[in-house]
Amino acid sequence: MSKLSNHVVPSAEKNGWTIKKAGRTNTTSSFERKKDAIKYARELSKSEKTELYIHKRNGIVQTKYSYI
């Protein structure tokens, strides 16, 4: 069974940033600032030993980290 990756994506509803797991529709956490979302997502990905994708406001992947 493969582990899910975490994604920092823009939130249109709240004009902020959310953390989502690939393949799921629900949000893990929401933040007003992107840097706060990235900090949380890095710790989450490290503890889960997953990959982390950080997206730009337009949805394109900006950076990818692997904690596998």
Protein backbone atom coordinates (compact mmCIF):
# COMPACT_ATOMS: atom_id res chain seq x y z
CA MET A 1 0.00 0.00 0.00
CA SER A 2 1.48 3.35 -1.01
CA LYS A 3 1.28 6.33 1.29
CA LEU A 4 -0.54 9.47 0.30
CA SER A 5 1.36 12.68 -0.43
CA ASN A 6 0.57 16.03 1.17
CA HIS A 7 -0.12 19.17 -0.88
CA VAL A 8 -0.06 22.85 0.10
CA VAL A 9 -2.68 24.39 -2.19
CA PRO A 10 -4.45 27.74 -2.45
CA SER A 11 -7.86 27.99 -0.85
CA ALA A 12 -10.28 29.99 -2.97
CA GLU A 13 -12.91 30.07 -0.25
CA LYS A 14 -10.73 31.58 2.45
CA ASN A 15 -8.12 33.34 0.26
CA GLY A 16 -5.49 31.40 2.19
CA TRP A 17 -3.77 28.01 1.98
CA THR A 18 -4.83 24.49 2.83
CA ILE A 19 -3.12 21.14 3.32
CA LYS A 20 -4.67 18.27 1.38
CA LYS A 21 -3.76 14.63 0.97
CA ALA A 22 -3.62 13.30 -2.59
CA GLY A 23 -6.73 11.38 -3.54
CA ARG A 24 -8.89 12.92 -0.83
CA THR A 25 -11.31 15.80 -1.02
CA ASN A 26 -11.27 16.93 2.61
CA THR A 27 -8.79 19.47 3.96
CA THR A 28 -6.29 18.54 6.68
CA SER A 29 -5.66 22.13 7.86
CA SER A 30 -6.13 25.72 6.70
CA PHE A 31 -3.87 28.74 7.12
CA GLU A 32 -3.96 32.43 6.23
CA ARG A 33 -0.28 32.56 5.26
CA LYS A 34 1.53 30.20 2.88
CA LYS A 35 4.66 30.02 5.03
CA ASP A 36 2.61 28.77 8.00
CA ALA A 37 0.99 26.11 5.82
CA ILE A 38 4.40 24.99 4.54
CA LYS A 39 5.84 24.77 8.05
CA TYR A 40 2.94 22.59 9.23
CA ALA A 41 2.97 20.43 6.08
CA ARG A 42 6.72 19.78 6.35
CA GLU A 43 6.37 18.48 9.90
CA LEU A 44 3.35 16.40 8.89
CA SER A 45 5.15 14.90 5.88
CA LYS A 46 8.26 14.15 7.94
CA SER A 47 6.23 12.33 10.58
CA GLU A 48 4.23 10.40 7.97
CA LYS A 49 7.29 9.79 5.74
CA THR A 50 5.52 11.06 2.64
CA GLU A 51 6.18 13.48 -0.18
CA LEU A 52 5.19 17.14 0.04
CA TYR A 53 4.11 19.23 -2.94
CA ILE A 54 3.90 23.01 -2.59
CA HIS A 55 1.75 24.71 -5.22
CA LYS A 56 1.71 28.28 -6.49
CA ARG A 57 -1.45 30.41 -6.34
CA ASN A 58 -2.23 29.32 -9.95
CA GLY A 59 -2.10 25.63 -8.92
CA ILE A 60 1.20 24.68 -10.58
CA VAL A 61 3.64 22.71 -8.42
CA GLN A 62 6.34 25.08 -7.18
CA THR A 63 8.45 22.71 -5.05
CA LYS A 64 8.52 19.04 -4.12
CA TYR A 65 10.10 17.50 -1.02
CA SER A 66 10.48 13.80 -0.25
CA TYR A 67 10.61 12.56 3.34
CA ILE A 68 10.37 8.88 2.44
